[in-house]
C-alpha atoms as a PDB file:
ATOM      1  CA  MET A   1     -15.182  -5.179  15.881  1.00  0.00           C
ATOM      2  CA  ARG A   2     -15.165  -7.653  12.989  1.00  0.00           C
ATOM      3  CA  THR A   3     -17.024  -5.155  10.774  1.00  0.00           C
ATOM      4  CA  GLU A   4     -14.398  -2.494  11.474  1.00  0.00           C
ATOM      5  CA  LEU A   5     -11.624  -4.885  10.420  1.00  0.00           C
ATOM      6  CA  ALA A   6     -13.478  -5.745   7.231  1.00  0.00           C
ATOM      7  CA  ASP A   7     -14.025  -2.049   6.488  1.00  0.00           C
ATOM      8  CA  CYS A   8     -10.335  -1.337   7.049  1.00  0.00           C
ATOM      9  CA  GLU A   9      -9.339  -4.202   4.758  1.00  0.00           C
ATOM     10  CA  ALA A  10     -11.712  -2.930   2.069  1.00  0.00           C
ATOM     11  CA  ALA A  11     -10.268   0.585   2.351  1.00  0.00           C
ATOM     12  CA  LEU A  12      -6.700  -0.707   2.104  1.00  0.00           C
ATOM     13  CA  SER A  13      -7.653  -2.747  -0.961  1.00  0.00           C
ATOM     14  CA  LEU A  14      -9.124   0.327  -2.656  1.00  0.00           C
ATOM     15  CA  ILE A  15      -6.011   2.368  -1.878  1.00  0.00           C
ATOM     16  CA  ARG A  16      -3.816  -0.454  -3.236  1.00  0.00           C
ATOM     17  CA  MET A  17      -5.853  -0.563  -6.460  1.00  0.00           C
ATOM     18  CA  ALA A  18      -5.503   3.209  -6.901  1.00  0.00           C
ATOM     19  CA  ILE A  19      -1.746   3.073  -6.336  1.00  0.00           C
ATOM     20  CA  GLU A  20      -1.317   0.153  -8.724  1.00  0.00           C
ATOM     21  CA  ALA A  21      -3.309   2.017 -11.377  1.00  0.00           C
ATOM     22  CA  THR A  22      -1.490   5.352 -11.123  1.00  0.00           C
ATOM     23  CA  CYS A  23       1.981   4.938  -9.608  1.00  0.00           C
ATOM     24  CA  PRO A  24       5.076   3.670 -11.417  1.00  0.00           C
ATOM     25  CA  ALA A  25       5.655  -0.056 -11.468  1.00  0.00           C
ATOM     26  CA  GLY A  26       7.817  -1.366  -8.674  1.00  0.00           C
ATOM     27  CA  VAL A  27       7.000   1.191  -5.978  1.00  0.00           C
ATOM     28  CA  LEU A  28       4.467  -1.084  -4.275  1.00  0.00           C
ATOM     29  CA  PRO A  29       5.358  -4.679  -3.416  1.00  0.00           C
ATOM     30  CA  SER A  30       2.733  -7.391  -3.739  1.00  0.00           C
ATOM     31  CA  ARG A  31       0.684  -8.300  -0.679  1.00  0.00           C
ATOM     32  CA  GLU A  32       2.731 -11.467  -0.283  1.00  0.00           C
ATOM     33  CA  MET A  33       5.926  -9.440  -0.268  1.00  0.00           C
ATOM     34  CA  VAL A  34       4.443  -6.965   2.204  1.00  0.00           C
ATOM     35  CA  ASN A  35       3.681  -9.873   4.539  1.00  0.00           C
ATOM     36  CA  GLY A  36       7.292 -11.030   4.304  1.00  0.00           C
ATOM     37  CA  ILE A  37       8.919  -7.594   4.535  1.00  0.00           C
ATOM     38  CA  TYR A  38       6.722  -5.747   7.030  1.00  0.00           C
ATOM     39  CA  GLY A  39       4.339  -8.322   8.504  1.00  0.00           C
ATOM     40  CA  PRO A  40       0.772  -9.574   8.013  1.00  0.00           C
ATOM     41  CA  ALA A  41      -1.174  -6.941   9.970  1.00  0.00           C
ATOM     42  CA  GLN A  42      -3.235  -4.228   8.324  1.00  0.00           C
ATOM     43  CA  ILE A  43      -0.864  -1.595   9.699  1.00  0.00           C
ATOM     44  CA  HIS A  44       1.916  -3.245   7.701  1.00  0.00           C
ATOM     45  CA  GLU A  45      -0.112  -2.987   4.499  1.00  0.00           C
ATOM     46  CA  ALA A  46      -0.804   0.662   5.318  1.00  0.00           C
ATOM     47  CA  GLU A  47       2.918   1.266   5.842  1.00  0.00           C
ATOM     48  CA  ALA A  48       3.747  -0.247   2.455  1.00  0.00           C
ATOM     49  CA  LEU A  49       1.055   1.873   0.792  1.00  0.00           C
ATOM     50  CA  ALA A  50       2.365   5.037   2.428  1.00  0.00           C
ATOM     51  CA  LYS A  51       5.934   4.271   1.347  1.00  0.00           C
ATOM     52  CA  ALA A  52       4.740   3.686  -2.228  1.00  0.00           C
ATOM     53  CA  ILE A  53       3.017   7.073  -2.269  1.00  0.00           C
ATOM     54  CA  ILE A  54       6.126   8.774  -0.886  1.00  0.00           C
ATOM     55  CA  ALA A  55       8.374   7.034  -3.436  1.00  0.00           C
ATOM     56  CA  THR A  56       6.081   8.158  -6.249  1.00  0.00           C
ATOM     57  CA  VAL A  57       6.066  11.764  -5.081  1.00  0.00           C
ATOM     58  CA  GLU A  58       9.856  11.718  -4.790  1.00  0.00           C
ATOM     59  CA  LYS A  59      10.183  10.352  -8.330  1.00  0.00           C
ATOM     60  CA  LEU A  60       7.834  12.979  -9.715  1.00  0.00           C
ATOM     61  CA  THR A  61       9.438  15.912  -7.905  1.00  0.00           C
ATOM     62  CA  SER A  62      13.078  14.967  -8.517  1.00  0.00           C
ATOM     63  CA  LYS A  63      12.935  15.825 -12.226  1.00  0.00           C
END
């Protein structure tokens, strides 16, 4: 079980790095802000990542 949690955390970190490198600034809050806004669980990080992707797509398609 611990390995699965570590794998999930690693995957979320890679997704965060990709979003930070390609999406507009401000669409993804920092991890500390995610903890305060959504909560500290991995599902909360995943929710923030998904919302950042959606916000980016909306910005790109609204032009």
